[in-house]
Protein backbone atom coordinates (compact mmCIF):
# COMPACT_ATOMS: atom_id res chain seq x y z
CA MET A 1 -0.02 0.05 0.04
CA LYS A 2 1.11 3.51 -0.68
CA PHE A 3 0.49 6.42 1.59
CA SER A 4 1.37 10.00 1.58
CA ARG A 5 0.62 12.80 3.94
CA SER A 6 -1.35 15.50 2.39
CA THR A 7 -3.20 18.50 3.40
CA THR A 8 -5.73 18.42 6.43
CA THR A 9 -9.32 18.75 5.66
CA LYS A 10 -11.97 19.20 8.25
CA ALA A 11 -15.02 17.10 8.10
CA LEU A 12 -18.15 19.07 8.27
CA THR A 13 -16.50 22.34 8.24
CA SER A 14 -19.95 23.93 8.46
CA VAL A 15 -20.32 22.91 11.99
CA LEU A 16 -16.76 22.87 13.34
CA THR A 17 -14.79 26.02 13.74
CA LEU A 18 -10.94 26.70 14.18
CA GLY A 19 -11.53 28.47 17.65
CA LEU A 20 -13.36 25.42 18.79
CA LEU A 21 -10.78 23.08 17.67
CA ALA A 22 -7.87 25.25 19.25
CA ALA A 23 -9.59 24.80 22.57
CA CYS A 24 -10.21 21.21 22.48
CA ALA A 25 -7.14 18.81 22.83
CA PRO A 26 -4.95 19.17 25.91
CA ALA A 27 -1.59 19.56 24.57
CA ASP A 28 0.32 18.24 27.38
CA GLY A 29 -1.65 15.17 27.88
CA ASP A 30 -2.80 16.17 31.39
CA GLY A 31 -6.61 15.61 30.44
CA ALA A 32 -7.41 19.25 31.51
CA ARG A 33 -10.31 20.65 29.52
CA ALA A 34 -12.53 23.35 30.52
CA GLU A 35 -15.94 22.32 31.36
CA GLY A 36 -18.14 22.15 28.35
CA GLU A 37 -15.19 21.90 25.81
CA LYS A 38 -15.04 19.00 23.54
CA LEU A 39 -12.24 16.72 23.01
CA SER A 40 -10.97 17.01 19.35
CA LEU A 41 -10.06 13.48 17.93
CA SER A 42 -8.12 13.68 14.55
CA VAL A 43 -8.66 10.68 12.48
CA VAL A 44 -7.49 9.56 8.93
CA SER A 45 -10.16 9.99 6.27
CA LEU A 46 -9.72 9.08 2.82
CA VAL A 47 -6.93 9.05 0.02
CA PRO A 48 -6.06 12.21 -1.20
CA GLY A 49 -7.97 12.85 -4.61
CA SER A 50 -11.01 10.78 -3.69
CA GLU A 51 -14.27 11.53 -5.37
CA PRO A 52 -16.55 14.24 -3.79
CA GLU A 53 -19.16 11.38 -3.29
CA ALA A 54 -16.62 9.57 -1.06
CA PHE A 55 -16.12 12.53 1.16
CA ALA A 56 -19.94 13.06 1.43
CA ALA A 57 -20.31 9.56 2.77
CA PHE A 58 -17.40 9.99 5.13
CA ASP A 59 -18.82 13.13 6.47
CA GLU A 60 -22.21 11.71 7.13
CA ARG A 61 -20.62 8.81 9.28
CA VAL A 62 -18.58 11.74 11.12
CA ALA A 63 -21.83 13.40 11.89
CA ALA A 64 -23.51 10.20 13.13
CA PHE A 65 -20.58 9.73 15.36
CA GLU A 66 -20.47 13.02 16.86
CA ALA A 67 -24.19 13.07 17.41
CA ALA A 68 -23.75 9.80 19.49
CA ASN A 69 -20.65 11.27 21.13
CA PRO A 70 -21.52 14.90 21.73
CA ASP A 71 -18.37 15.32 23.79
CA ILE A 72 -16.06 14.64 20.85
CA ASP A 73 -15.19 16.55 17.74
CA ILE A 74 -13.69 14.63 14.80
CA GLU A 75 -10.94 16.37 12.82
CA ALA A 76 -10.57 14.38 9.48
CA GLU A 77 -7.24 14.30 7.67
CA GLU A 78 -6.69 12.92 4.04
CA TYR A 79 -4.00 10.42 4.27
CA GLU A 80 -2.27 7.67 2.60
CA TRP A 81 0.43 5.23 4.35
CA GLU A 82 3.64 5.38 2.65
CA ALA A 83 6.71 3.29 3.69
CA ALA A 84 9.12 6.15 2.70
CA THR A 85 7.61 8.84 5.01
CA PHE A 86 5.55 7.21 7.53
CA ALA A 87 8.34 6.75 10.19
CA SER A 88 9.30 10.34 10.12
CA GLN A 89 5.58 11.32 10.56
CA LEU A 90 5.12 9.30 13.33
CA ALA A 91 8.36 10.26 15.09
CA GLY A 92 7.46 13.88 14.46
CA GLY A 93 3.92 13.42 15.79
CA THR A 94 2.29 14.75 12.67
CA LEU A 95 -0.06 11.77 12.32
CA PRO A 96 -3.58 11.98 13.20
CA ASP A 97 -4.46 10.51 16.61
CA VAL A 98 -5.98 7.64 14.99
CA PHE A 99 -4.08 6.31 11.93
CA GLU A 100 -3.83 3.17 9.82
CA ILE A 101 -0.80 0.92 9.36
CA PRO A 102 -0.32 -2.33 7.50
CA LEU A 103 -0.61 -5.52 9.31
CA THR A 104 3.11 -6.17 8.72
CA ASP A 105 4.13 -2.98 10.87
CA ALA A 106 2.33 -3.16 14.05
CA LYS A 107 4.76 -5.56 15.86
CA THR A 108 7.73 -3.35 15.03
CA LEU A 109 6.00 -0.23 16.03
CA VAL A 110 5.05 -1.67 19.21
CA ALA A 111 8.61 -3.04 20.04
CA ASN A 112 9.76 0.45 19.27
CA GLY A 113 7.32 1.87 21.87
CA GLN A 114 5.78 4.07 19.32
CA LEU A 115 2.00 2.86 19.62
CA ALA A 116 -0.33 3.49 22.60
CA ASN A 117 -1.52 0.53 24.68
CA LEU A 118 -5.18 0.29 23.91
CA GLN A 119 -5.85 -2.89 26.04
CA ASP A 120 -8.02 -1.49 28.67
CA GLU A 121 -10.34 0.36 26.25
CA PHE A 122 -10.13 -2.66 23.73
CA ALA A 123 -11.32 -5.10 26.47
CA THR A 124 -14.49 -2.93 26.93
CA LEU A 125 -15.63 -3.85 23.32
CA PRO A 126 -18.50 -6.30 23.56
CA TYR A 127 -16.84 -8.53 20.85
CA ALA A 128 -13.20 -8.11 22.08
CA ASP A 129 -12.78 -11.97 22.31
CA GLN A 130 -14.44 -12.67 18.84
CA PHE A 131 -11.65 -11.35 16.69
CA ASN A 132 -9.82 -13.81 14.34
CA GLU A 133 -6.93 -14.60 16.68
CA GLU A 134 -4.24 -14.55 14.06
CA LEU A 135 -5.26 -11.06 12.99
CA LEU A 136 -5.39 -9.63 16.59
CA GLU A 137 -2.20 -11.37 17.39
CA ALA A 138 -0.52 -9.13 14.83
CA GLY A 139 -1.48 -5.94 16.82
CA LYS A 140 -0.17 -7.31 20.23
CA GLY A 141 3.00 -6.57 21.98
CA GLU A 142 5.15 -9.15 23.79
CA ASP A 143 3.17 -8.49 26.91
CA GLY A 144 0.03 -9.79 25.24
CA GLU A 145 -1.86 -6.62 25.21
CA VAL A 146 -3.42 -5.02 22.31
CA TYR A 147 -1.82 -1.91 20.70
CA ALA A 148 -3.39 -2.14 17.13
CA ILE A 149 -6.83 -3.28 16.12
CA PRO A 150 -7.66 -5.10 12.97
CA ALA A 151 -9.76 -2.56 11.11
CA LYS A 152 -11.16 -1.22 7.65
CA SER A 153 -10.56 -4.61 5.66
CA ILE A 154 -8.57 -7.74 5.25
CA TYR A 155 -7.73 -8.83 1.71
CA GLY A 156 -6.32 -11.89 -0.10
CA VAL A 157 -4.46 -11.00 -3.20
CA ALA A 158 -6.36 -11.69 -6.22
CA LEU A 159 -6.07 -11.14 -10.06
CA HIS A 160 -8.06 -8.10 -11.42
CA TYR A 161 -8.71 -7.78 -15.06
CA ASN A 162 -10.57 -5.61 -17.62
CA ARG A 163 -13.57 -7.38 -19.07
CA ALA A 164 -13.94 -4.93 -21.91
CA LEU A 165 -10.39 -5.71 -23.22
CA PHE A 166 -10.74 -9.40 -22.82
CA GLU A 167 -13.94 -9.28 -25.10
CA GLN A 168 -12.27 -6.93 -27.50
CA ALA A 169 -9.41 -9.83 -27.80
CA GLY A 170 -12.00 -12.58 -28.27
CA LEU A 171 -11.68 -13.75 -24.77
CA ASP A 172 -14.70 -15.03 -22.49
CA PRO A 173 -14.60 -12.48 -19.46
CA ASP A 174 -16.36 -15.16 -17.51
CA SER A 175 -13.51 -17.58 -18.05
CA PRO A 176 -10.51 -15.63 -16.49
CA PRO A 177 -7.00 -17.32 -16.34
CA THR A 178 -6.67 -19.98 -13.74
CA SER A 179 -2.89 -20.61 -14.27
CA TRP A 180 0.04 -18.47 -14.88
CA ASP A 181 0.51 -19.82 -18.27
CA GLU A 182 -3.02 -18.75 -19.12
CA VAL A 183 -2.26 -15.29 -17.69
CA ARG A 184 0.52 -15.17 -20.23
CA GLU A 185 -1.65 -16.63 -22.96
CA HIS A 186 -4.43 -14.08 -22.30
CA ALA A 187 -1.87 -11.13 -22.05
CA GLU A 188 -0.56 -12.16 -25.69
CA GLN A 189 -4.05 -12.42 -27.08
CA ILE A 190 -4.97 -9.13 -25.63
CA LYS A 191 -1.83 -7.25 -26.82
CA ASP A 192 -1.99 -8.80 -30.24
CA ALA A 193 -5.76 -7.65 -30.66
CA THR A 194 -5.88 -4.34 -28.94
CA GLY A 195 -2.43 -3.06 -28.61
CA VAL A 196 -2.77 -2.74 -24.84
CA PRO A 197 -0.40 -4.45 -22.54
CA GLY A 198 -1.97 -7.75 -21.28
CA TYR A 199 -0.29 -7.52 -17.99
CA ALA A 200 1.24 -5.19 -15.45
CA THR A 201 2.90 -5.55 -12.17
CA ILE A 202 3.44 -2.79 -9.40
CA THR A 203 7.00 -2.06 -10.04
CA ALA A 204 7.84 0.97 -7.59
CA SER A 205 7.99 1.42 -3.85
CA ASN A 206 7.74 -1.35 -1.24
CA ALA A 207 4.44 -2.32 -3.13
CA ALA A 208 6.42 -3.91 -5.71
CA GLY A 209 8.05 -6.17 -3.35
CA TRP A 210 4.58 -6.76 -1.82
CA GLN A 211 3.25 -8.03 -5.06
CA LEU A 212 6.21 -10.11 -5.85
CA ALA A 213 5.65 -11.60 -2.35
CA ALA A 214 2.08 -12.60 -3.45
CA ALA A 215 3.38 -14.18 -6.56
CA THR A 216 5.99 -16.17 -4.53
CA TYR A 217 3.39 -17.60 -2.09
CA ALA A 218 1.12 -18.26 -5.08
CA ARG A 219 3.87 -20.47 -6.63
CA GLY A 220 4.65 -22.18 -3.49
CA GLY A 221 7.42 -20.18 -2.14
CA ARG A 222 8.09 -18.10 1.10
CA LEU A 223 10.35 -15.12 1.85
CA GLN A 224 11.49 -16.17 5.32
CA GLU A 225 11.49 -19.08 7.89
CA VAL A 226 10.79 -18.21 11.45
CA ASP A 227 11.73 -20.80 14.22
CA GLY A 228 11.13 -19.24 17.59
CA ASP A 229 13.78 -16.28 17.73
CA ALA A 230 15.63 -17.55 14.72
CA VAL A 231 14.66 -15.86 11.35
CA THR A 232 16.16 -16.59 8.09
CA ALA A 233 15.55 -14.54 4.84
CA THR A 234 14.53 -16.84 2.04
CA LEU A 235 14.31 -14.41 -0.84
CA ASP A 236 16.49 -16.50 -3.07
CA ASN A 237 14.00 -19.21 -3.65
CA ASP A 238 12.69 -21.15 -6.78
CA ALA A 239 9.18 -19.50 -6.74
CA THR A 240 10.55 -15.98 -6.55
CA ARG A 241 13.01 -16.83 -9.19
CA GLU A 242 10.30 -18.43 -11.34
CA HIS A 243 8.01 -15.49 -11.23
CA LEU A 244 11.00 -12.82 -11.95
CA GLU A 245 11.89 -15.01 -15.15
CA PHE A 246 8.09 -15.01 -15.94
CA LEU A 247 8.07 -11.24 -15.97
CA GLN A 248 11.29 -11.16 -17.82
CA ALA A 249 10.09 -13.40 -20.53
CA MET A 250 6.83 -11.39 -20.85
CA ARG A 251 8.74 -8.26 -21.20
CA TRP A 252 11.67 -9.32 -23.79
CA GLU A 253 10.37 -12.41 -25.52
CA ASP A 254 6.74 -11.40 -25.62
CA ASP A 255 6.44 -7.62 -24.94
CA TRP A 256 2.97 -8.35 -23.59
CA VAL A 257 3.63 -6.67 -20.20
CA LEU A 258 3.59 -2.93 -19.36
CA ALA A 259 7.20 -1.94 -19.00
CA ASP A 260 6.74 0.90 -16.63
CA THR A 261 9.37 0.99 -13.66
CA THR A 262 7.54 3.74 -11.91
CA LEU A 263 4.32 2.02 -11.39
CA SER A 264 3.31 2.42 -7.78
CA TRP A 265 0.34 1.09 -5.90
CA GLU A 266 -1.58 4.50 -6.74
CA THR A 267 -0.36 4.86 -10.39
CA ALA A 268 -1.16 1.07 -11.00
CA ASN A 269 -4.67 1.58 -9.84
CA GLN A 270 -5.05 4.82 -11.83
CA ALA A 271 -3.74 3.16 -15.09
CA PHE A 272 -5.83 -0.06 -14.69
CA ALA A 273 -8.91 2.21 -14.13
CA ALA A 274 -8.10 4.00 -17.49
CA GLY A 275 -7.71 0.74 -19.40
CA GLN A 276 -4.06 1.13 -19.95
CA PHE A 277 -3.40 -2.52 -19.13
CA ALA A 278 -5.61 -5.50 -18.76
CA MET A 279 -4.67 -7.65 -15.81
CA TYR A 280 -2.68 -7.14 -12.54
CA THR A 281 -2.68 -8.37 -8.93
CA SER A 282 -3.60 -6.60 -5.96
CA GLY A 283 -5.70 -6.87 -2.79
CA SER A 284 -9.34 -8.17 -3.29
CA ASP A 285 -10.56 -4.85 -1.79
CA ILE A 286 -8.95 -2.81 -4.53
CA TYR A 287 -12.20 -2.35 -6.18
CA ASN A 288 -13.14 0.07 -3.46
CA THR A 289 -10.13 2.43 -4.26
CA LEU A 290 -10.92 2.01 -7.99
CA VAL A 291 -14.44 3.51 -7.11
CA GLU A 292 -13.37 6.01 -4.58
CA ASN A 293 -10.61 7.54 -6.37
CA TYR A 294 -11.33 6.85 -9.95
CA ALA A 295 -15.01 6.69 -10.43
CA THR A 296 -14.78 3.31 -11.77
CA THR A 297 -18.22 2.14 -12.72
CA GLY A 298 -17.72 -1.63 -12.62
CA GLU A 299 -19.19 -2.36 -15.97
CA ASP A 300 -15.61 -3.48 -17.32
CA TYR A 301 -14.26 -4.73 -13.88
CA GLY A 302 -13.45 -8.50 -13.32
CA LEU A 303 -11.88 -10.28 -10.08
CA THR A 304 -10.71 -13.81 -10.03
CA ALA A 305 -8.49 -15.85 -7.82
CA ILE A 306 -4.66 -15.49 -8.18
CA PRO A 307 -3.50 -18.80 -9.82
CA LEU A 308 -1.89 -21.07 -7.12
CA GLU A 309 0.85 -23.43 -8.26
CA GLY A 310 3.22 -25.82 -6.21
CA GLU A 311 2.63 -27.98 -3.22
CA ASP A 312 2.57 -25.23 -0.76
CA ALA A 313 0.99 -22.52 -2.75
CA GLY A 314 -1.22 -19.99 -0.80
CA VAL A 315 -2.73 -16.70 -1.02
CA LEU A 316 -0.80 -13.72 0.63
CA ALA A 317 -3.31 -12.03 2.94
CA GLY A 318 -2.80 -8.55 4.53
CA GLY A 319 -4.95 -5.69 5.69
CA THR A 320 -4.99 -2.57 7.67
CA MET A 321 -4.91 -2.01 11.52
CA ALA A 322 -6.18 1.12 13.58
CA ALA A 323 -3.54 2.52 15.82
CA VAL A 324 -2.81 5.48 18.10
CA GLY A 325 0.58 7.01 18.81
CA ALA A 326 2.33 6.48 22.06
CA GLN A 327 2.28 10.16 22.89
CA VAL A 328 -1.61 10.56 22.84
CA ASP A 329 -3.23 11.11 26.23
CA GLU A 330 -5.43 8.51 27.88
CA GLU A 331 -8.75 10.40 27.43
CA THR A 332 -7.87 10.69 23.65
CA GLN A 333 -7.05 7.04 23.56
CA ALA A 334 -10.43 6.27 24.77
CA ALA A 335 -12.15 8.40 22.30
CA ALA A 336 -9.97 6.63 19.60
CA VAL A 337 -11.20 3.33 20.57
CA LYS A 338 -14.81 4.63 20.28
CA TRP A 339 -14.11 5.94 16.81
CA ILE A 340 -12.40 2.69 15.87
CA ASP A 341 -15.47 0.70 16.95
CA PHE A 342 -18.00 3.07 15.28
CA PHE A 343 -16.08 3.57 11.89
CA TYR A 344 -14.43 0.47 11.27
CA LEU A 345 -16.07 -2.57 13.18
CA ALA A 346 -19.64 -1.88 14.07
CA ASN A 347 -20.46 -2.25 10.49
CA LEU A 348 -19.48 -5.90 10.93
CA ARG A 349 -21.04 -6.37 14.41
CA ASP A 350 -24.07 -4.27 14.69
CA GLU A 351 -27.01 -4.59 12.22
CA GLU A 352 -28.32 -1.16 12.72
CA GLN A 353 -24.86 0.27 12.22
CA ALA A 354 -24.06 -1.97 9.21
CA VAL A 355 -27.36 -0.76 7.52
CA GLU A 356 -27.01 2.76 8.14
CA ASN A 357 -23.39 2.67 6.85
CA ALA A 358 -24.44 0.94 3.77
CA ARG A 359 -27.23 3.26 3.15
CA VAL A 360 -25.06 6.03 3.32
CA ARG A 361 -22.32 4.58 0.96
CA ALA A 362 -24.82 3.36 -1.56
CA GLU A 363 -26.68 6.80 -1.51
CA ASN A 364 -23.24 8.44 -2.12
CA ASP A 365 -22.29 5.90 -5.02
CA GLN A 366 -19.61 4.20 -2.90
CA THR A 367 -19.21 0.53 -2.77
CA VAL A 368 -21.06 -1.94 -0.61
CA GLY A 369 -20.21 -5.46 -0.70
CA THR A 370 -16.83 -5.79 -1.90
CA PRO A 371 -15.29 -9.23 -1.16
CA VAL A 372 -12.71 -9.19 1.65
CA LEU A 373 -11.62 -11.65 4.18
CA PRO A 374 -13.19 -11.73 7.77
CA ILE A 375 -11.94 -9.72 10.69
CA PHE A 376 -14.12 -11.93 12.87
CA SER A 377 -15.29 -15.25 11.48
CA ARG A 378 -16.79 -16.49 8.18
CA GLU A 379 -20.09 -16.62 9.80
CA GLN A 380 -20.23 -13.17 11.08
CA TYR A 381 -18.82 -11.91 7.72
CA GLU A 382 -21.81 -13.67 5.89
CA THR A 383 -24.38 -12.31 8.43
CA ALA A 384 -23.24 -8.79 8.02
CA ASN A 385 -23.31 -9.13 4.35
CA ALA A 386 -26.83 -10.50 4.73
CA TRP A 387 -27.72 -7.47 6.75
CA VAL A 388 -26.94 -5.15 4.02
CA ALA A 389 -27.94 -7.14 0.98
CA GLU A 390 -30.33 -4.69 -0.47
CA TYR A 391 -27.60 -1.98 -0.64
CA VAL A 392 -25.00 -4.20 -2.26
CA ASN A 393 -23.79 -2.49 -5.56
CA VAL A 394 -20.65 -4.19 -6.54
CA PRO A 395 -20.65 -6.45 -9.63
CA LEU A 396 -20.59 -9.47 -7.48
CA GLU A 397 -21.35 -11.71 -10.69
CA GLN A 398 -18.20 -10.39 -12.34
CA MET A 399 -16.18 -11.52 -8.98
CA GLU A 400 -17.11 -15.09 -8.91
CA GLY A 401 -13.75 -16.29 -9.89
CA TYR A 402 -12.50 -15.08 -6.76
CA THR A 403 -15.63 -15.23 -4.34
CA SER A 404 -16.21 -18.88 -5.37
CA VAL A 405 -12.92 -20.07 -3.84
CA MET A 406 -11.79 -17.15 -1.31
CA PHE A 407 -12.61 -19.42 1.69
CA ASP A 408 -10.98 -22.47 0.14
CA GLN A 409 -7.72 -21.16 -0.98
CA PRO A 410 -4.86 -21.47 1.75
CA VAL A 411 -3.95 -18.02 3.17
CA VAL A 412 -0.63 -17.14 4.30
CA GLY A 413 0.45 -13.92 6.14
CA GLU A 414 2.95 -11.35 5.26
CA PRO A 415 6.51 -11.69 6.38
CA SER A 416 6.46 -11.17 10.15
CA VAL A 417 9.98 -9.91 10.71
CA GLN A 418 11.42 -6.88 8.61
CA GLY A 419 8.29 -7.19 6.34
CA GLN A 420 8.68 -3.78 4.85
CA ASP A 421 12.48 -4.11 4.53
CA THR A 422 11.79 -7.35 2.62
CA TYR A 423 9.65 -5.64 0.25
CA ALA A 424 11.96 -2.91 -0.31
CA ALA A 425 14.84 -5.35 -1.09
CA LEU A 426 12.72 -6.99 -3.75
CA GLU A 427 12.07 -3.72 -5.79
CA VAL A 428 15.56 -3.80 -7.48
CA PRO A 429 15.03 -7.34 -8.97
CA ILE A 430 11.68 -6.50 -10.27
CA GLN A 431 12.87 -3.33 -12.09
CA SER A 432 15.99 -5.16 -13.30
CA VAL A 433 14.05 -7.72 -15.28
CA LEU A 434 12.03 -5.22 -16.76
CA THR A 435 14.80 -2.90 -17.85
CA ASP A 436 17.58 -5.35 -18.60
CA ALA A 437 17.07 -8.47 -20.81
CA ASP A 438 20.18 -10.08 -19.49
CA ALA A 439 19.43 -9.32 -15.94
CA ASP A 440 20.84 -12.04 -13.71
CA VAL A 441 17.72 -13.02 -11.61
CA GLU A 442 19.93 -15.54 -9.30
CA ALA A 443 22.41 -12.87 -8.65
CA LEU A 444 19.62 -10.27 -7.86
CA LEU A 445 17.81 -12.45 -5.45
CA ALA A 446 21.08 -13.43 -3.72
CA THR A 447 21.98 -9.74 -3.07
CA ALA A 448 18.45 -9.03 -1.69
CA ASP A 449 18.59 -12.03 0.60
CA ARG A 450 21.77 -10.92 1.86
CA GLU A 451 20.58 -7.28 2.60
CA VAL A 452 17.41 -8.58 4.20
CA GLN A 453 19.22 -11.00 6.50
CA ALA A 454 21.59 -8.37 7.63
CA LEU A 455 18.57 -6.28 8.86
CA ILE A 456 17.04 -9.14 10.41
CA ASP A 457 20.40 -9.90 12.36
CA GLU A 458 20.65 -6.34 13.46
CA ARG A 459 16.99 -6.14 14.77
């Protein structure tokens, strides 16, 4: 995922004033607020550049939260997480009180003492004992207490494709590829028939390595081995090598892949939405972003399972956690957990909240029903979907290639130690095979493996 700090926007500016905001948050964390003053809670809102309808839906939810919590004012900030800048933002105290982080990052941030301990407030949630244990564990410290809470969505990486380009190439959009060989064959047919690259992969930032990790898992490989405290980098493995050679062949033998080495998570989504390539892999929830940021209508959108090959093949699963900075005072921490409960989780646990959220999103042309993996259980996930069935507006019939197997495919978590460093180290090999016909894949992976192992050993 890519994030970048952007301008601060105020949700519901018509009802919030700068003077009021200045009086709200106790700067020294002593909890001293004058009688009648509201607590100001800053939270992340949407990715910069999101459509006005998305902000309208967000603002409605803010208004509902403030109505239910009249002592709290929400200050919303546009936000994207970006590996290159997040650490300095967190250290500099410029993040909102409630921010989002990848699952991979929580353990490191907790170990560094950078996240607030939310255990006491978390324990008051009526569903605190019903989370998927593996997900919740990602947000716990060595003391077993909760510092980050699974939120927003949990995804499995899947294959996204442009149905219109499939049709223009004479391919059946209801029969998407089920193997990597078929991905290559479809890419060839699409490029030959339309001139549009049949396939693309994210090539810039840590997201490039994130998607190479997904392909590695899908081909039966892994990027590290953990045995107690012993962690071994395994970037130099057959599956990663095989996928890099696959990309290299698609670039230099076929010329069916988009040869853009600046393609970030954001620009890949933008290019896909604009029909500049036909297929790519990303989280199963990316359709939300395509609609929220690029006004995708869904008519040409298709979603299917990432091809799995090899004995230990699995789907890379990841997602988002909500967290609070360690410097935030206890009163604000309590307000933060109320917001996390309301904005991220009540939609999955409370029928009234789920229906209201779905109504607001649907009326503002935002997605309802995009397939994701459960934060709690499959049963709760399906129950919550049933509550909002009348508002579901995503093209589920065009997502059956994924939804028909999403609970059957083996799921594998992201690298648990130095995860972002592992992703960063894979950027060079990806860019090399797309820019150099003679790139030495084995040497590139050997170098990346050594670099990551050194970082693991230094931790």
